[in-house]
All heavy atoms as atom14 arrays in JSON, in Angstrom:
{
  "sequence": "EKFSWTGDNMFFIKGDMDALAFGGGGGEFALWLDGDLYHGRSHSCK",
  "atom14_mask": [
    [1, 1, 1, 1, 1, 1, 1, 1, 1, 0, 0, 0, 0, 0],
    [1, 1, 1, 1, 1, 1, 1, 1, 1, 0, 0, 0, 0, 0],
    [1, 1, 1, 1, 1, 1, 1, 1, 1, 1, 1, 0, 0, 0],
    [1, 1, 1, 1, 1, 1, 0, 0, 0, 0, 0, 0, 0, 0],
    [1, 1, 1, 1, 1, 1, 1, 1, 1, 1, 1, 1, 1, 1],
    [1, 1, 1, 1, 1, 1, 1, 0, 0, 0, 0, 0, 0, 0],
    [1, 1, 1, 1, 0, 0, 0, 0, 0, 0, 0, 0, 0, 0],
    [1, 1, 1, 1, 1, 1, 1, 1, 0, 0, 0, 0, 0, 0],
    [1, 1, 1, 1, 1, 1, 1, 1, 0, 0, 0, 0, 0, 0],
    [1, 1, 1, 1, 1, 1, 1, 1, 0, 0, 0, 0, 0, 0],
    [1, 1, 1, 1, 1, 1, 1, 1, 1, 1, 1, 0, 0, 0],
    [1, 1, 1, 1, 1, 1, 1, 1, 1, 1, 1, 0, 0, 0],
    [1, 1, 1, 1, 1, 1, 1, 1, 0, 0, 0, 0, 0, 0],
    [1, 1, 1, 1, 1, 1, 1, 1, 1, 0, 0, 0, 0, 0],
    [1, 1, 1, 1, 0, 0, 0, 0, 0, 0, 0, 0, 0, 0],
    [1, 1, 1, 1, 1, 1, 1, 1, 0, 0, 0, 0, 0, 0],
    [1, 1, 1, 1, 1, 1, 1, 1, 0, 0, 0, 0, 0, 0],
    [1, 1, 1, 1, 1, 1, 1, 1, 0, 0, 0, 0, 0, 0],
    [1, 1, 1, 1, 1, 0, 0, 0, 0, 0, 0, 0, 0, 0],
    [1, 1, 1, 1, 1, 1, 1, 1, 0, 0, 0, 0, 0, 0],
    [1, 1, 1, 1, 1, 0, 0, 0, 0, 0, 0, 0, 0, 0],
    [1, 1, 1, 1, 1, 1, 1, 1, 1, 1, 1, 0, 0, 0],
    [1, 1, 1, 1, 0, 0, 0, 0, 0, 0, 0, 0, 0, 0],
    [1, 1, 1, 1, 0, 0, 0, 0, 0, 0, 0, 0, 0, 0],
    [1, 1, 1, 1, 0, 0, 0, 0, 0, 0, 0, 0, 0, 0],
    [1, 1, 1, 1, 0, 0, 0, 0, 0, 0, 0, 0, 0, 0],
    [1, 1, 1, 1, 0, 0, 0, 0, 0, 0, 0, 0, 0, 0],
    [1, 1, 1, 1, 1, 1, 1, 1, 1, 0, 0, 0, 0, 0],
    [1, 1, 1, 1, 1, 1, 1, 1, 1, 1, 1, 0, 0, 0],
    [1, 1, 1, 1, 1, 0, 0, 0, 0, 0, 0, 0, 0, 0],
    [1, 1, 1, 1, 1, 1, 1, 1, 0, 0, 0, 0, 0, 0],
    [1, 1, 1, 1, 1, 1, 1, 1, 1, 1, 1, 1, 1, 1],
    [1, 1, 1, 1, 1, 1, 1, 1, 0, 0, 0, 0, 0, 0],
    [1, 1, 1, 1, 1, 1, 1, 1, 0, 0, 0, 0, 0, 0],
    [1, 1, 1, 1, 0, 0, 0, 0, 0, 0, 0, 0, 0, 0],
    [1, 1, 1, 1, 1, 1, 1, 1, 0, 0, 0, 0, 0, 0],
    [1, 1, 1, 1, 1, 1, 1, 1, 0, 0, 0, 0, 0, 0],
    [1, 1, 1, 1, 1, 1, 1, 1, 1, 1, 1, 1, 0, 0],
    [1, 1, 1, 1, 1, 1, 1, 1, 1, 1, 0, 0, 0, 0],
    [1, 1, 1, 1, 0, 0, 0, 0, 0, 0, 0, 0, 0, 0],
    [1, 1, 1, 1, 1, 1, 1, 1, 1, 1, 1, 0, 0, 0],
    [1, 1, 1, 1, 1, 1, 0, 0, 0, 0, 0, 0, 0, 0],
    [1, 1, 1, 1, 1, 1, 1, 1, 1, 1, 0, 0, 0, 0],
    [1, 1, 1, 1, 1, 1, 0, 0, 0, 0, 0, 0, 0, 0],
    [1, 1, 1, 1, 1, 1, 0, 0, 0, 0, 0, 0, 0, 0],
    [1, 1, 1, 1, 1, 1, 1, 1, 1, 0, 0, 0, 0, 0]
  ],
  "atom14_positions": [
    [[0.85, -1.18, 0.0], [0.0, 0.0, 0.0], [0.89, 1.24, 0.0], [1.92, 1.27, 0.7], [-0.92, 0.04, 1.21], [-2.1, -0.9, 1.16], [-3.06, -0.67, 2.32], [-3.84, 0.3, 2.27], [-3.01, -1.47, 3.27], [0.0, 0.0, 0.0], [0.0, 0.0, 0.0], [0.0, 0.0, 0.0], [0.0, 0.0, 0.0], [0.0, 0.0, 0.0]],
    [[0.48, 2.24, -0.75], [1.18, 3.52, -0.79], [0.26, 4.58, -0.21], [-0.92, 4.62, -0.52], [1.55, 3.89, -2.21], [2.13, 5.29, -2.37], [2.19, 5.7, -3.82], [2.61, 7.15, -3.95], [2.55, 7.63, -5.35], [0.0, 0.0, 0.0], [0.0, 0.0, 0.0], [0.0, 0.0, 0.0], [0.0, 0.0, 0.0], [0.0, 0.0, 0.0]],
    [[0.82, 5.47, 0.64], [0.04, 6.54, 1.25], [0.65, 7.88, 0.84], [1.72, 8.25, 1.33], [0.02, 6.38, 2.77], [-0.52, 5.06, 3.23], [0.33, 4.01, 3.56], [-1.9, 4.84, 3.29], [-0.16, 2.79, 3.97], [-2.41, 3.61, 3.7], [-1.54, 2.59, 4.03], [0.0, 0.0, 0.0], [0.0, 0.0, 0.0], [0.0, 0.0, 0.0]],
    [[-0.04, 8.57, -0.05], [0.45, 9.85, -0.57], [-0.01, 11.0, 0.3], [-0.88, 10.86, 1.17], [-0.05, 10.05, -2.01], [0.38, 9.0, -2.84], [0.0, 0.0, 0.0], [0.0, 0.0, 0.0], [0.0, 0.0, 0.0], [0.0, 0.0, 0.0], [0.0, 0.0, 0.0], [0.0, 0.0, 0.0], [0.0, 0.0, 0.0], [0.0, 0.0, 0.0]],
    [[0.54, 12.14, 0.05], [0.17, 13.36, 0.78], [-1.3, 13.69, 0.56], [-1.8, 13.69, -0.56], [1.03, 14.51, 0.28], [0.75, 15.85, 0.9], [0.47, 16.09, 2.21], [0.73, 17.11, 0.24], [0.28, 17.44, 2.42], [0.44, 18.1, 1.23], [0.95, 17.52, -1.07], [0.34, 19.46, 0.92], [0.86, 18.87, -1.37], [0.56, 19.83, -0.39]],
    [[-2.02, 13.95, 1.64], [-3.45, 14.26, 1.55], [-3.71, 15.73, 1.28], [-4.8, 16.11, 0.87], [-4.17, 13.88, 2.86], [-3.61, 14.67, 3.93], [-4.01, 12.41, 3.17], [0.0, 0.0, 0.0], [0.0, 0.0, 0.0], [0.0, 0.0, 0.0], [0.0, 0.0, 0.0], [0.0, 0.0, 0.0], [0.0, 0.0, 0.0], [0.0, 0.0, 0.0]],
    [[-2.7, 16.59, 1.56], [-2.89, 18.03, 1.42], [-3.43, 18.66, 2.69], [-3.63, 19.88, 2.75], [0.0, 0.0, 0.0], [0.0, 0.0, 0.0], [0.0, 0.0, 0.0], [0.0, 0.0, 0.0], [0.0, 0.0, 0.0], [0.0, 0.0, 0.0], [0.0, 0.0, 0.0], [0.0, 0.0, 0.0], [0.0, 0.0, 0.0], [0.0, 0.0, 0.0]],
    [[-3.66, 17.86, 3.73], [-4.26, 18.36, 4.97], [-3.28, 19.25, 5.74], [-3.69, 20.24, 6.36], [-4.7, 17.19, 5.84], [-5.61, 17.62, 6.98], [-6.82, 17.75, 6.74], [-5.1, 17.85, 8.09], [0.0, 0.0, 0.0], [0.0, 0.0, 0.0], [0.0, 0.0, 0.0], [0.0, 0.0, 0.0], [0.0, 0.0, 0.0], [0.0, 0.0, 0.0]],
    [[-2.02, 18.9, 5.74], [-0.98, 19.73, 6.37], [0.35, 19.45, 5.66], [0.38, 18.67, 4.71], [-0.89, 19.46, 7.89], [-0.57, 18.01, 8.2], [0.35, 17.41, 7.63], [-1.34, 17.39, 9.11], [0.0, 0.0, 0.0], [0.0, 0.0, 0.0], [0.0, 0.0, 0.0], [0.0, 0.0, 0.0], [0.0, 0.0, 0.0], [0.0, 0.0, 0.0]],
    [[1.41, 20.1, 6.13], [2.72, 19.95, 5.49], [3.76, 19.4, 6.47], [4.92, 19.76, 6.43], [3.18, 21.29, 4.9], [2.21, 21.83, 3.86], [2.76, 23.33, 3.06], [4.1, 22.71, 2.04], [0.0, 0.0, 0.0], [0.0, 0.0, 0.0], [0.0, 0.0, 0.0], [0.0, 0.0, 0.0], [0.0, 0.0, 0.0], [0.0, 0.0, 0.0]],
    [[3.32, 18.47, 7.32], [4.22, 17.84, 8.28], [4.87, 16.61, 7.63], [4.58, 15.47, 8.0], [3.45, 17.42, 9.54], [2.75, 18.57, 10.23], [1.61, 18.34, 10.98], [3.24, 19.86, 10.15], [0.95, 19.38, 11.64], [2.6, 20.92, 10.8], [1.45, 20.68, 11.54], [0.0, 0.0, 0.0], [0.0, 0.0, 0.0], [0.0, 0.0, 0.0]],
    [[5.77, 16.86, 6.7], [6.35, 15.75, 5.93], [7.45, 15.0, 6.71], [7.31, 13.83, 7.02], [6.9, 16.26, 4.6], [5.87, 16.86, 3.71], [5.89, 18.21, 3.4], [4.85, 16.08, 3.18], [4.94, 18.77, 2.58], [3.88, 16.63, 2.34], [3.93, 17.99, 2.06], [0.0, 0.0, 0.0], [0.0, 0.0, 0.0], [0.0, 0.0, 0.0]],
    [[8.54, 15.7, 7.01], [9.7, 15.05, 7.65], [10.24, 15.98, 8.73], [10.3, 17.2, 8.55], [10.82, 14.78, 6.62], [10.26, 14.15, 5.34], [11.91, 13.9, 7.22], [11.18, 14.31, 4.14], [0.0, 0.0, 0.0], [0.0, 0.0, 0.0], [0.0, 0.0, 0.0], [0.0, 0.0, 0.0], [0.0, 0.0, 0.0], [0.0, 0.0, 0.0]],
    [[10.67, 15.39, 9.83], [11.31, 16.17, 10.9], [12.43, 15.34, 11.49], [12.23, 14.16, 11.82], [10.31, 16.56, 11.99], [10.88, 17.48, 13.05], [9.84, 17.84, 14.09], [10.36, 18.88, 15.08], [11.62, 18.48, 15.73], [0.0, 0.0, 0.0], [0.0, 0.0, 0.0], [0.0, 0.0, 0.0], [0.0, 0.0, 0.0], [0.0, 0.0, 0.0]],
    [[13.61, 15.95, 11.62], [14.74, 15.2, 12.15], [15.52, 15.96, 13.2], [15.75, 17.18, 13.05], [0.0, 0.0, 0.0], [0.0, 0.0, 0.0], [0.0, 0.0, 0.0], [0.0, 0.0, 0.0], [0.0, 0.0, 0.0], [0.0, 0.0, 0.0], [0.0, 0.0, 0.0], [0.0, 0.0, 0.0], [0.0, 0.0, 0.0], [0.0, 0.0, 0.0]],
    [[15.94, 15.31, 14.24], [16.9, 15.86, 15.21], [17.76, 14.7, 15.68], [17.66, 13.58, 15.16], [16.19, 16.58, 16.38], [15.17, 15.71, 17.09], [15.42, 14.49, 17.23], [14.12, 16.23, 17.51], [0.0, 0.0, 0.0], [0.0, 0.0, 0.0], [0.0, 0.0, 0.0], [0.0, 0.0, 0.0], [0.0, 0.0, 0.0], [0.0, 0.0, 0.0]],
    [[18.62, 14.96, 16.64], [19.55, 13.91, 17.07], [18.87, 12.82, 17.9], [19.47, 11.78, 18.16], [20.7, 14.53, 17.88], [21.53, 15.54, 17.09], [22.09, 14.93, 15.48], [23.14, 13.59, 15.95], [0.0, 0.0, 0.0], [0.0, 0.0, 0.0], [0.0, 0.0, 0.0], [0.0, 0.0, 0.0], [0.0, 0.0, 0.0], [0.0, 0.0, 0.0]],
    [[17.63, 13.08, 18.29], [16.93, 12.1, 19.13], [15.95, 11.23, 18.36], [15.54, 10.17, 18.84], [16.17, 12.82, 20.26], [17.11, 13.54, 21.21], [18.18, 12.97, 21.53], [16.79, 14.67, 21.62], [0.0, 0.0, 0.0], [0.0, 0.0, 0.0], [0.0, 0.0, 0.0], [0.0, 0.0, 0.0], [0.0, 0.0, 0.0], [0.0, 0.0, 0.0]],
    [[15.52, 11.7, 17.19], [14.51, 10.94, 16.45], [14.38, 11.43, 15.01], [14.78, 12.55, 14.68], [13.15, 11.05, 17.15], [0.0, 0.0, 0.0], [0.0, 0.0, 0.0], [0.0, 0.0, 0.0], [0.0, 0.0, 0.0], [0.0, 0.0, 0.0], [0.0, 0.0, 0.0], [0.0, 0.0, 0.0], [0.0, 0.0, 0.0], [0.0, 0.0, 0.0]],
    [[13.81, 10.57, 14.19], [13.46, 10.91, 12.8], [11.98, 10.56, 12.64], [11.57, 9.44, 12.95], [14.31, 10.1, 11.82], [14.0, 10.28, 10.33], [14.26, 11.72, 9.87], [14.84, 9.31, 9.49], [0.0, 0.0, 0.0], [0.0, 0.0, 0.0], [0.0, 0.0, 0.0], [0.0, 0.0, 0.0], [0.0, 0.0, 0.0], [0.0, 0.0, 0.0]],
    [[11.18, 11.54, 12.15], [9.74, 11.33, 12.11], [9.13, 11.77, 10.78], [9.66, 12.66, 10.11], [9.06, 12.08, 13.26], [0.0, 0.0, 0.0], [0.0, 0.0, 0.0], [0.0, 0.0, 0.0], [0.0, 0.0, 0.0], [0.0, 0.0, 0.0], [0.0, 0.0, 0.0], [0.0, 0.0, 0.0], [0.0, 0.0, 0.0], [0.0, 0.0, 0.0]],
    [[8.02, 11.13, 10.45], [7.27, 11.45, 9.22], [5.81, 11.69, 9.57], [5.22, 10.92, 10.33], [7.35, 10.29, 8.22], [8.73, 9.92, 7.79], [9.5, 9.08, 8.59], [9.26, 10.4, 6.6], [10.78, 8.73, 8.2], [10.54, 10.05, 6.21], [11.3, 9.22, 7.02], [0.0, 0.0, 0.0], [0.0, 0.0, 0.0], [0.0, 0.0, 0.0]],
    [[5.22, 12.73, 8.97], [3.8, 12.97, 9.13], [3.44, 13.49, 10.51], [4.24, 13.45, 11.45], [0.0, 0.0, 0.0], [0.0, 0.0, 0.0], [0.0, 0.0, 0.0], [0.0, 0.0, 0.0], [0.0, 0.0, 0.0], [0.0, 0.0, 0.0], [0.0, 0.0, 0.0], [0.0, 0.0, 0.0], [0.0, 0.0, 0.0], [0.0, 0.0, 0.0]],
    [[2.23, 14.0, 10.62], [1.78, 14.53, 11.89], [0.32, 14.95, 11.82], [-0.34, 14.78, 10.79], [0.0, 0.0, 0.0], [0.0, 0.0, 0.0], [0.0, 0.0, 0.0], [0.0, 0.0, 0.0], [0.0, 0.0, 0.0], [0.0, 0.0, 0.0], [0.0, 0.0, 0.0], [0.0, 0.0, 0.0], [0.0, 0.0, 0.0], [0.0, 0.0, 0.0]],
    [[-0.14, 15.52, 12.92], [-1.54, 15.9, 13.01], [-2.26, 14.96, 13.96], [-2.15, 13.74, 13.81], [0.0, 0.0, 0.0], [0.0, 0.0, 0.0], [0.0, 0.0, 0.0], [0.0, 0.0, 0.0], [0.0, 0.0, 0.0], [0.0, 0.0, 0.0], [0.0, 0.0, 0.0], [0.0, 0.0, 0.0], [0.0, 0.0, 0.0], [0.0, 0.0, 0.0]],
    [[-2.96, 15.52, 14.92], [-3.66, 14.68, 15.88], [-2.75, 14.17, 16.98], [-3.11, 13.25, 17.72], [0.0, 0.0, 0.0], [0.0, 0.0, 0.0], [0.0, 0.0, 0.0], [0.0, 0.0, 0.0], [0.0, 0.0, 0.0], [0.0, 0.0, 0.0], [0.0, 0.0, 0.0], [0.0, 0.0, 0.0], [0.0, 0.0, 0.0], [0.0, 0.0, 0.0]],
    [[-1.54, 14.75, 17.07], [-0.63, 14.36, 18.16], [0.15, 13.09, 17.92], [0.83, 12.59, 18.82], [0.0, 0.0, 0.0], [0.0, 0.0, 0.0], [0.0, 0.0, 0.0], [0.0, 0.0, 0.0], [0.0, 0.0, 0.0], [0.0, 0.0, 0.0], [0.0, 0.0, 0.0], [0.0, 0.0, 0.0], [0.0, 0.0, 0.0], [0.0, 0.0, 0.0]],
    [[0.09, 12.52, 16.71], [0.81, 11.28, 16.43], [1.6, 11.4, 15.13], [1.19, 12.08, 14.19], [-0.17, 10.1, 16.3], [-0.93, 9.77, 17.57], [-0.07, 9.06, 18.61], [1.08, 8.7, 18.28], [-0.55, 8.87, 19.74], [0.0, 0.0, 0.0], [0.0, 0.0, 0.0], [0.0, 0.0, 0.0], [0.0, 0.0, 0.0], [0.0, 0.0, 0.0]],
    [[2.75, 10.73, 15.08], [3.54, 10.64, 13.86], [3.1, 9.4, 13.07], [2.72, 8.39, 13.65], [5.03, 10.52, 14.17], [5.61, 11.74, 14.84], [6.13, 11.64, 16.13], [5.65, 12.97, 14.2], [6.68, 12.74, 16.77], [6.2, 14.08, 14.82], [6.71, 13.97, 16.1], [0.0, 0.0, 0.0], [0.0, 0.0, 0.0], [0.0, 0.0, 0.0]],
    [[3.21, 9.5, 11.76], [2.92, 8.33, 10.93], [4.0, 7.27, 11.12], [3.73, 6.07, 11.19], [2.82, 8.73, 9.47], [0.0, 0.0, 0.0], [0.0, 0.0, 0.0], [0.0, 0.0, 0.0], [0.0, 0.0, 0.0], [0.0, 0.0, 0.0], [0.0, 0.0, 0.0], [0.0, 0.0, 0.0], [0.0, 0.0, 0.0], [0.0, 0.0, 0.0]],
    [[5.26, 7.75, 11.21], [6.4, 6.85, 11.42], [7.44, 7.59, 12.24], [7.82, 8.72, 11.9], [6.98, 6.41, 10.07], [8.16, 5.44, 10.11], [7.79, 4.13, 10.8], [8.66, 5.15, 8.69], [0.0, 0.0, 0.0], [0.0, 0.0, 0.0], [0.0, 0.0, 0.0], [0.0, 0.0, 0.0], [0.0, 0.0, 0.0], [0.0, 0.0, 0.0]],
    [[7.9, 6.96, 13.31], [8.87, 7.58, 14.21], [9.95, 6.56, 14.56], [9.66, 5.41, 14.89], [8.15, 8.03, 15.48], [9.03, 8.61, 16.55], [9.39, 9.91, 16.71], [9.65, 7.89, 17.63], [10.19, 10.06, 17.82], [10.37, 8.82, 18.4], [9.66, 6.54, 18.01], [11.1, 8.46, 19.53], [10.39, 6.17, 19.13], [11.1, 7.13, 19.88]],
    [[11.23, 6.99, 14.46], [12.36, 6.14, 14.79], [13.22, 6.86, 15.82], [13.47, 8.07, 15.69], [13.21, 5.85, 13.54], [12.48, 5.33, 12.29], [13.47, 5.14, 11.15], [11.75, 4.04, 12.58], [0.0, 0.0, 0.0], [0.0, 0.0, 0.0], [0.0, 0.0, 0.0], [0.0, 0.0, 0.0], [0.0, 0.0, 0.0], [0.0, 0.0, 0.0]],
    [[13.68, 6.15, 16.84], [14.48, 6.81, 17.87], [15.93, 6.99, 17.43], [16.36, 6.51, 16.37], [14.39, 6.05, 19.2], [15.17, 4.74, 19.21], [15.77, 4.38, 18.18], [15.16, 4.06, 20.27], [0.0, 0.0, 0.0], [0.0, 0.0, 0.0], [0.0, 0.0, 0.0], [0.0, 0.0, 0.0], [0.0, 0.0, 0.0], [0.0, 0.0, 0.0]],
    [[16.7, 7.72, 18.26], [18.07, 8.07, 17.9], [19.0, 6.88, 17.78], [20.04, 6.96, 17.11], [0.0, 0.0, 0.0], [0.0, 0.0, 0.0], [0.0, 0.0, 0.0], [0.0, 0.0, 0.0], [0.0, 0.0, 0.0], [0.0, 0.0, 0.0], [0.0, 0.0, 0.0], [0.0, 0.0, 0.0], [0.0, 0.0, 0.0], [0.0, 0.0, 0.0]],
    [[18.68, 5.78, 18.43], [19.51, 4.58, 18.35], [19.08, 3.66, 17.21], [19.67, 2.59, 17.01], [19.44, 3.8, 19.67], [20.06, 4.58, 20.82], [21.07, 5.28, 20.58], [19.52, 4.49, 21.94], [0.0, 0.0, 0.0], [0.0, 0.0, 0.0], [0.0, 0.0, 0.0], [0.0, 0.0, 0.0], [0.0, 0.0, 0.0], [0.0, 0.0, 0.0]],
    [[18.02, 4.07, 16.52], [17.44, 3.25, 15.44], [17.15, 1.84, 15.95], [17.44, 0.84, 15.28], [18.38, 3.2, 14.22], [18.66, 4.56, 13.56], [19.56, 4.37, 12.35], [17.37, 5.26, 13.17], [0.0, 0.0, 0.0], [0.0, 0.0, 0.0], [0.0, 0.0, 0.0], [0.0, 0.0, 0.0], [0.0, 0.0, 0.0], [0.0, 0.0, 0.0]],
    [[16.57, 1.81, 17.14], [16.23, 0.53, 17.76], [14.72, 0.42, 17.97], [14.11, -0.58, 17.6], [16.96, 0.37, 19.1], [16.68, -0.95, 19.78], [17.22, -2.13, 19.28], [15.88, -1.01, 20.93], [16.96, -3.35, 19.9], [15.62, -2.22, 21.55], [16.16, -3.39, 21.03], [15.89, -4.59, 21.64], [0.0, 0.0, 0.0], [0.0, 0.0, 0.0]],
    [[14.14, 1.44, 18.54], [12.69, 1.47, 18.74], [12.02, 2.31, 17.65], [12.57, 3.31, 17.19], [12.32, 2.05, 20.11], [12.66, 1.16, 21.25], [13.78, 1.32, 22.04], [12.02, 0.06, 21.74], [13.82, 0.39, 22.97], [12.77, -0.4, 22.81], [0.0, 0.0, 0.0], [0.0, 0.0, 0.0], [0.0, 0.0, 0.0], [0.0, 0.0, 0.0]],
    [[10.82, 1.9, 17.29], [10.03, 2.66, 16.32], [8.56, 2.62, 16.67], [8.11, 1.8, 17.48], [0.0, 0.0, 0.0], [0.0, 0.0, 0.0], [0.0, 0.0, 0.0], [0.0, 0.0, 0.0], [0.0, 0.0, 0.0], [0.0, 0.0, 0.0], [0.0, 0.0, 0.0], [0.0, 0.0, 0.0], [0.0, 0.0, 0.0], [0.0, 0.0, 0.0]],
    [[7.81, 3.54, 16.05], [6.37, 3.59, 16.29], [5.68, 4.07, 15.02], [6.19, 4.9, 14.28], [6.05, 4.55, 17.44], [4.57, 4.64, 17.81], [4.32, 5.58, 18.99], [5.05, 5.13, 20.17], [5.99, 5.85, 20.79], [6.32, 7.05, 20.32], [6.59, 5.38, 21.86], [0.0, 0.0, 0.0], [0.0, 0.0, 0.0], [0.0, 0.0, 0.0]],
    [[4.5, 3.52, 14.76], [3.71, 3.93, 13.6], [2.27, 4.14, 14.02], [1.73, 3.35, 14.82], [3.79, 2.88, 12.48], [2.99, 3.27, 11.38], [0.0, 0.0, 0.0], [0.0, 0.0, 0.0], [0.0, 0.0, 0.0], [0.0, 0.0, 0.0], [0.0, 0.0, 0.0], [0.0, 0.0, 0.0], [0.0, 0.0, 0.0], [0.0, 0.0, 0.0]],
    [[1.66, 5.2, 13.46], [0.28, 5.52, 13.82], [-0.36, 6.22, 12.62], [0.33, 6.81, 11.78], [0.26, 6.42, 15.05], [-1.06, 6.48, 15.75], [-2.08, 7.31, 15.34], [-1.53, 5.79, 16.84], [-3.12, 7.14, 16.14], [-2.82, 6.22, 17.05], [0.0, 0.0, 0.0], [0.0, 0.0, 0.0], [0.0, 0.0, 0.0], [0.0, 0.0, 0.0]],
    [[-1.66, 6.18, 12.54], [-2.35, 6.91, 11.47], [-2.16, 8.41, 11.7], [-2.05, 8.87, 12.84], [-3.84, 6.56, 11.46], [-4.44, 6.89, 12.7], [0.0, 0.0, 0.0], [0.0, 0.0, 0.0], [0.0, 0.0, 0.0], [0.0, 0.0, 0.0], [0.0, 0.0, 0.0], [0.0, 0.0, 0.0], [0.0, 0.0, 0.0], [0.0, 0.0, 0.0]],
    [[-2.11, 9.19, 10.6], [-1.97, 10.63, 10.73], [-2.65, 11.33, 9.56], [-2.94, 10.71, 8.54], [-0.49, 11.03, 10.83], [0.34, 11.11, 9.23], [0.0, 0.0, 0.0], [0.0, 0.0, 0.0], [0.0, 0.0, 0.0], [0.0, 0.0, 0.0], [0.0, 0.0, 0.0], [0.0, 0.0, 0.0], [0.0, 0.0, 0.0], [0.0, 0.0, 0.0]],
    [[-2.87, 12.65, 9.72], [-3.59, 13.41, 8.72], [-2.75, 13.73, 7.49], [-3.28, 13.92, 6.4], [-4.11, 14.71, 9.34], [-5.16, 14.51, 10.43], [-5.66, 15.84, 10.97], [-6.74, 15.64, 12.02], [-7.24, 16.92, 12.55], [0.0, 0.0, 0.0], [0.0, 0.0, 0.0], [0.0, 0.0, 0.0], [0.0, 0.0, 0.0], [0.0, 0.0, 0.0]]
  ]
}
C-alpha cells in the first residue's frame, strides 16, 4: 500500500539527534524512529 500526501498539512519530515519522524496531526507521527534506530512507532496521521 502507498500513502500519498493528503494536502491536509505539510508535516512531511522532521529530524533531530533524538529521532526521525514522518507525518503529523492529531498528536501522532505516521512513522517515528528513535536516535539509536532501535525502537520505532507507527500511527495513522492526517
